[in-house]
Amino acid sequence: MEFEWDPEEAGTNVEKHGVSFAEARTVFGDSLEVTIAAPGSFSG
């Protein structure tokens, strides 16, 4: 999987969330990743 992002938006993301895009992308290759739905997001 390839990722690309706007450098300005990447800086804003670090300021806003404390996580760089480079770090955030690592979850997509994590074999121990777990996805949990947010409360109220299920419409089934």
C-alpha atoms as a PDB file:
ATOM      1  CA  MET A   1       0.000   0.000   0.000  1.00  0.00           C
ATOM      2  CA  GLU A   2       1.343   3.446  -0.891  1.00  0.00           C
ATOM      3  CA  PHE A   3       0.722   6.644   1.036  1.00  0.00           C
ATOM      4  CA  GLU A   4       1.240  10.254   0.144  1.00  0.00           C
ATOM      5  CA  TRP A   5       0.245  13.388   1.991  1.00  0.00           C
ATOM      6  CA  ASP A   6       0.503  17.150   1.908  1.00  0.00           C
ATOM      7  CA  PRO A   7       3.483  18.283   4.048  1.00  0.00           C
ATOM      8  CA  GLU A   8       1.499  21.208   5.488  1.00  0.00           C
ATOM      9  CA  GLU A   9      -1.404  18.941   6.471  1.00  0.00           C
ATOM     10  CA  ALA A  10       1.071  16.485   7.972  1.00  0.00           C
ATOM     11  CA  GLY A  11       2.413  19.226  10.258  1.00  0.00           C
ATOM     12  CA  THR A  12      -1.102  20.248  11.245  1.00  0.00           C
ATOM     13  CA  ASN A  13      -1.933  16.633  12.091  1.00  0.00           C
ATOM     14  CA  VAL A  14       1.017  16.395  14.491  1.00  0.00           C
ATOM     15  CA  GLU A  15      -0.053  19.629  16.205  1.00  0.00           C
ATOM     16  CA  LYS A  16      -3.722  18.619  16.399  1.00  0.00           C
ATOM     17  CA  HIS A  17      -3.430  14.893  17.240  1.00  0.00           C
ATOM     18  CA  GLY A  18       0.176  14.391  18.360  1.00  0.00           C
ATOM     19  CA  VAL A  19       0.704  11.715  15.681  1.00  0.00           C
ATOM     20  CA  SER A  20       2.608  12.042  12.424  1.00  0.00           C
ATOM     21  CA  PHE A  21       1.202  10.577   9.223  1.00  0.00           C
ATOM     22  CA  ALA A  22       4.347   8.433   8.978  1.00  0.00           C
ATOM     23  CA  GLU A  23       3.572   6.906  12.375  1.00  0.00           C
ATOM     24  CA  ALA A  24      -0.155   6.609  11.686  1.00  0.00           C
ATOM     25  CA  ARG A  25       0.396   4.625   8.478  1.00  0.00           C
ATOM     26  CA  THR A  26       2.139   1.858  10.451  1.00  0.00           C
ATOM     27  CA  VAL A  27      -1.238   0.566  11.714  1.00  0.00           C
ATOM     28  CA  PHE A  28      -2.079  -0.674   8.213  1.00  0.00           C
ATOM     29  CA  GLY A  29       0.722  -3.250   8.336  1.00  0.00           C
ATOM     30  CA  ASP A  30       0.273  -4.258  11.979  1.00  0.00           C
ATOM     31  CA  SER A  31      -0.631  -7.936  12.318  1.00  0.00           C
ATOM     32  CA  LEU A  32      -1.925  -7.254  15.848  1.00  0.00           C
ATOM     33  CA  GLU A  33      -4.276  -4.467  14.716  1.00  0.00           C
ATOM     34  CA  VAL A  34      -7.779  -4.511  16.161  1.00  0.00           C
ATOM     35  CA  THR A  35     -10.665  -2.399  14.837  1.00  0.00           C
ATOM     36  CA  ILE A  36     -13.398  -1.344  17.236  1.00  0.00           C
ATOM     37  CA  ALA A  37     -16.484   0.503  16.024  1.00  0.00           C
ATOM     38  CA  ALA A  38     -17.224   3.817  17.683  1.00  0.00           C
ATOM     39  CA  PRO A  39     -20.371   3.836  19.846  1.00  0.00           C
ATOM     40  CA  GLY A  40     -23.379   4.782  17.755  1.00  0.00           C
ATOM     41  CA  SER A  41     -21.630   4.160  14.429  1.00  0.00           C
ATOM     42  CA  PHE A  42     -23.295   0.807  13.682  1.00  0.00           C
ATOM     43  CA  SER A  43     -26.348   1.096  11.460  1.00  0.00           C
ATOM     44  CA  GLY A  44     -27.255  -2.579  11.122  1.00  0.00           C
END
